[in-house]
Protein backbone atom coordinates (compact mmCIF):
# COMPACT_ATOMS: atom_id res chain seq x y z
CA MET A 1 56.96 70.13 10.47
CA SER A 2 54.02 70.96 12.70
CA THR A 3 51.02 68.71 13.25
CA ARG A 4 48.84 71.35 11.61
CA THR A 5 51.04 71.37 8.50
CA ASN A 6 51.00 67.59 8.42
CA SER A 7 47.20 67.55 8.65
CA HIS A 8 46.89 70.11 5.86
CA GLN A 9 49.23 68.17 3.60
CA LEU A 10 47.48 64.89 4.32
CA SER A 11 44.09 66.45 3.58
CA GLU A 12 45.38 67.83 0.30
CA CYS A 13 46.90 64.46 -0.58
CA VAL A 14 43.62 62.65 0.08
CA GLU A 15 41.55 65.23 -1.78
CA GLU A 16 43.84 64.89 -4.80
CA LEU A 17 43.66 61.10 -4.60
CA LEU A 18 39.86 61.13 -4.51
CA ALA A 19 39.39 63.72 -7.26
CA PRO A 20 39.25 61.31 -10.25
CA GLY A 21 36.59 59.15 -8.58
CA GLY A 22 36.33 55.36 -8.72
CA PRO A 23 38.84 52.84 -7.34
CA LEU A 24 42.14 54.26 -6.11
CA PRO A 25 45.53 53.19 -7.51
CA ILE A 26 47.08 50.51 -5.30
CA VAL A 27 50.72 50.99 -4.33
CA THR A 28 52.85 47.91 -4.94
CA ALA A 29 55.89 46.49 -3.13
CA GLY A 30 59.04 48.56 -3.38
CA ARG A 31 57.41 51.88 -2.51
CA PRO A 32 58.64 53.40 0.77
CA VAL A 33 55.12 54.19 2.00
CA LEU A 34 54.56 50.46 2.48
CA ARG A 35 57.61 50.19 4.72
CA GLY A 36 57.03 53.07 7.09
CA VAL A 37 55.00 53.05 10.30
CA ALA A 38 51.72 54.82 9.56
CA GLU A 39 50.96 57.97 11.50
CA PRO A 40 48.33 57.43 14.22
CA TYR A 41 44.98 58.80 13.10
CA ASP A 42 44.03 61.78 15.25
CA GLY A 43 41.56 63.77 13.18
CA GLN A 44 43.94 64.76 10.38
CA LEU A 45 40.98 64.50 7.97
CA ASP A 46 37.70 66.25 8.69
CA ASP A 47 34.69 64.01 9.19
CA ALA A 48 33.36 64.43 5.65
CA LEU A 49 36.75 63.74 4.06
CA LEU A 50 37.33 60.72 6.27
CA GLN A 51 33.94 59.35 5.22
CA ARG A 52 34.78 59.85 1.53
CA PHE A 53 38.21 58.29 1.97
CA VAL A 54 36.81 55.25 3.77
CA ALA A 55 34.20 54.81 1.03
CA ALA A 56 36.94 54.95 -1.61
CA LEU A 57 39.04 52.39 0.28
CA ARG A 58 36.07 50.05 0.35
CA THR A 59 35.37 50.56 -3.37
CA THR A 60 39.03 49.87 -4.15
CA MET A 61 39.13 46.77 -1.93
CA LEU A 62 36.02 45.25 -3.48
CA ASP A 63 37.06 46.13 -7.03
CA ALA A 64 40.52 44.53 -6.67
CA PRO A 65 38.99 42.18 -5.31
CA GLY A 66 40.30 41.81 -1.78
CA VAL A 67 39.15 41.39 1.80
CA GLY A 68 41.13 44.22 3.36
CA LEU A 69 42.98 47.39 2.45
CA ALA A 70 45.18 49.71 4.49
CA ALA A 71 45.65 53.40 3.78
CA PRO A 72 49.40 53.05 3.00
CA GLN A 73 48.39 50.72 0.16
CA VAL A 74 46.94 53.73 -1.63
CA GLY A 75 49.86 55.96 -0.64
CA VAL A 76 48.38 57.58 2.48
CA PRO A 77 50.54 57.06 5.61
CA LEU A 78 47.70 57.09 8.14
CA SER A 79 46.69 54.28 10.49
CA ILE A 80 43.40 53.49 8.75
CA ALA A 81 42.26 50.15 7.32
CA VAL A 82 39.06 48.62 6.03
CA VAL A 83 38.10 44.93 6.08
CA GLU A 84 35.23 42.91 4.66
CA ASP A 85 34.91 39.27 3.65
CA ARG A 86 31.77 37.69 2.24
CA ALA A 87 33.39 34.26 2.69
CA ARG A 88 32.49 32.65 -0.60
CA GLY A 89 34.00 29.43 -1.90
CA PRO A 90 33.95 25.65 -1.50
CA ARG A 91 32.51 24.64 1.87
CA GLU A 92 35.43 22.33 2.69
CA ALA A 93 37.95 25.13 2.24
CA LEU A 94 35.84 27.63 4.19
CA GLU A 95 35.53 25.22 7.11
CA ALA A 96 39.24 24.27 7.11
CA ARG A 97 40.24 27.94 7.22
CA GLY A 98 37.63 29.04 9.72
CA ARG A 99 36.50 31.49 7.07
CA THR A 100 33.25 33.08 8.19
CA PRO A 101 31.67 36.30 6.91
CA LEU A 102 33.33 39.46 8.20
CA PRO A 103 31.01 42.46 7.87
CA PHE A 104 32.49 45.71 6.62
CA ARG A 105 34.58 47.38 9.30
CA VAL A 106 36.70 50.50 9.52
CA LEU A 107 39.72 50.25 11.81
CA LEU A 108 41.59 53.30 13.09
CA ASN A 109 44.87 52.81 14.95
CA PRO A 110 44.41 49.05 15.30
CA SER A 111 46.74 46.83 17.29
CA TYR A 112 46.44 43.16 18.13
CA GLU A 113 47.77 40.63 20.58
CA PRO A 114 47.47 36.84 20.41
CA GLU A 115 44.98 35.00 22.57
CA GLY A 116 46.56 31.60 23.12
CA ASP A 117 49.45 29.89 21.33
CA THR A 118 47.59 28.24 18.44
CA LEU A 119 48.87 29.05 14.97
CA ALA A 120 47.17 28.40 11.63
CA ALA A 121 49.09 28.25 8.34
CA PHE A 122 47.51 28.98 4.96
CA PHE A 123 48.36 30.53 1.62
CA GLU A 124 47.91 34.27 1.71
CA GLY A 125 48.15 37.02 -0.89
CA CYS A 126 48.28 40.80 -0.94
CA LEU A 127 46.96 43.47 -3.27
CA SER A 128 50.35 45.21 -3.02
CA VAL A 129 52.18 42.05 -4.14
CA PRO A 130 50.02 41.09 -7.12
CA GLY A 131 50.27 37.68 -8.71
CA TRP A 132 51.86 35.83 -5.80
CA GLN A 133 50.89 33.89 -2.67
CA ALA A 134 52.82 32.32 0.19
CA VAL A 135 52.05 30.38 3.33
CA VAL A 136 51.89 32.41 6.53
CA ALA A 137 51.45 30.97 10.02
CA ARG A 138 49.33 33.44 11.98
CA HIS A 139 47.68 33.48 15.36
CA ALA A 140 44.37 31.64 15.19
CA ARG A 141 42.81 33.99 17.75
CA VAL A 142 43.67 37.64 18.42
CA ARG A 143 42.33 40.51 20.45
CA LEU A 144 42.08 43.67 18.37
CA ARG A 145 41.97 47.14 19.86
CA GLY A 146 41.54 50.50 18.16
CA GLN A 147 38.71 52.81 17.11
CA ASP A 148 36.04 52.81 14.44
CA GLU A 149 35.38 55.65 11.99
CA HIS A 150 33.25 57.42 14.63
CA GLY A 151 36.00 57.35 17.21
CA GLN A 152 34.31 54.64 19.25
CA ALA A 153 36.60 52.13 20.93
CA VAL A 154 37.06 48.71 19.32
CA ASP A 155 38.03 45.86 21.64
CA GLU A 156 37.12 42.57 20.02
CA VAL A 157 38.35 39.01 19.67
CA PHE A 158 38.70 37.61 16.14
CA THR A 159 39.24 33.96 15.25
CA GLY A 160 39.92 31.96 12.10
CA TRP A 161 40.14 33.79 8.80
CA PRO A 162 38.83 37.09 10.18
CA ALA A 163 41.77 36.99 12.63
CA ARG A 164 44.13 36.52 9.67
CA ILE A 165 42.62 39.50 7.86
CA VAL A 166 42.94 41.93 10.76
CA GLN A 167 46.52 40.77 11.42
CA HIS A 168 47.45 41.26 7.76
CA GLU A 169 45.98 44.77 7.59
CA THR A 170 47.35 45.86 10.97
CA ASP A 171 50.79 44.65 9.87
CA HIS A 172 50.55 46.96 6.85
CA LEU A 173 50.19 49.91 9.21
CA ASN A 174 53.46 48.92 10.87
CA GLY A 175 55.38 48.65 7.60
CA THR A 176 55.22 44.85 7.41
CA LEU A 177 54.29 42.92 4.27
CA TYR A 178 53.05 39.34 4.50
CA LEU A 179 56.20 38.19 2.71
CA ASP A 180 58.22 39.27 5.75
CA VAL A 181 56.51 36.60 7.86
CA ALA A 182 55.80 33.97 5.18
CA GLN A 183 57.56 30.66 4.52
CA PRO A 184 59.95 31.66 1.67
CA ARG A 185 59.91 28.20 0.05
CA SER A 186 56.12 28.36 -0.26
CA LEU A 187 56.16 31.40 -2.56
CA SER A 188 54.00 30.52 -5.58
CA THR A 189 52.30 32.31 -8.42
CA ASN A 190 48.53 32.53 -8.32
CA GLU A 191 48.51 30.14 -11.27
CA ALA A 192 50.61 27.57 -9.42
CA VAL A 193 48.37 27.78 -6.35
CA ALA A 194 45.27 27.25 -8.49
CA GLU A 195 46.84 24.34 -10.39
CA LEU A 196 48.80 22.59 -7.64
CA TRP A 197 47.96 23.85 -4.17
CA SER A 198 44.20 24.39 -4.10
CA GLN A 199 43.69 21.89 -1.26
CA PRO A 200 41.92 23.28 1.82
CA THR A 201 45.18 23.21 3.82
CA PRO A 202 48.81 23.70 2.70
CA GLY A 203 50.00 20.26 3.85
CA THR A 204 50.64 18.97 0.33
CA ALA A 205 52.50 22.13 -0.67
CA ALA A 206 54.60 21.88 2.49
CA ARG A 207 55.68 18.34 1.64
CA GLU A 208 56.37 19.03 -2.03
CA LEU A 209 58.08 22.41 -1.62
CA GLY A 210 59.86 21.62 1.63
CA PHE A 211 58.71 24.06 4.28
CA PRO A 212 57.33 23.50 7.80
CA VAL A 213 53.80 24.19 8.97
CA PRO A 214 52.60 24.21 12.59
């Protein structure tokens, strides 16, 4: 299949997805699109369609609500993600997690590498795995490279919770779900997390459920 054919099919797919308006349907675990490596973005959508698609991703992310969304999560296998976190919640939890506001960003073809060896472990969820959370140890500081929606280079260091968000979304573009890198024994329903494991750090959950944290 030629690149031109791929671009045409992707454009048609996105146009069809956007046609109803409003938030887009989120693809959940078990669908192959979440397990493939997304195609690098190289202008497959014209500028106007890309702008509309990005706006729809943001609407969908905020409506869910979430702090990030990758194109494969709405069934589009392109290396595009959006992130935004207004960092609301109890001060103690925000400080423990290094959760600071992350302004809205569009990431095209993102990749990251760790800066240092420090890991941070916290409960994490995913819009494509609704109803569940698990503890994931992620790099506390990463360098992210890629492009923005205008094709301008992104080369930026993220720390704390923003670093977790960009790792989570970039992983989606490589076919990885957070469950692949989570502590299996930490898997809990949202209700269990709210009732039992709402402490700022997962230390209590680690002791009671029997899993290690760094």
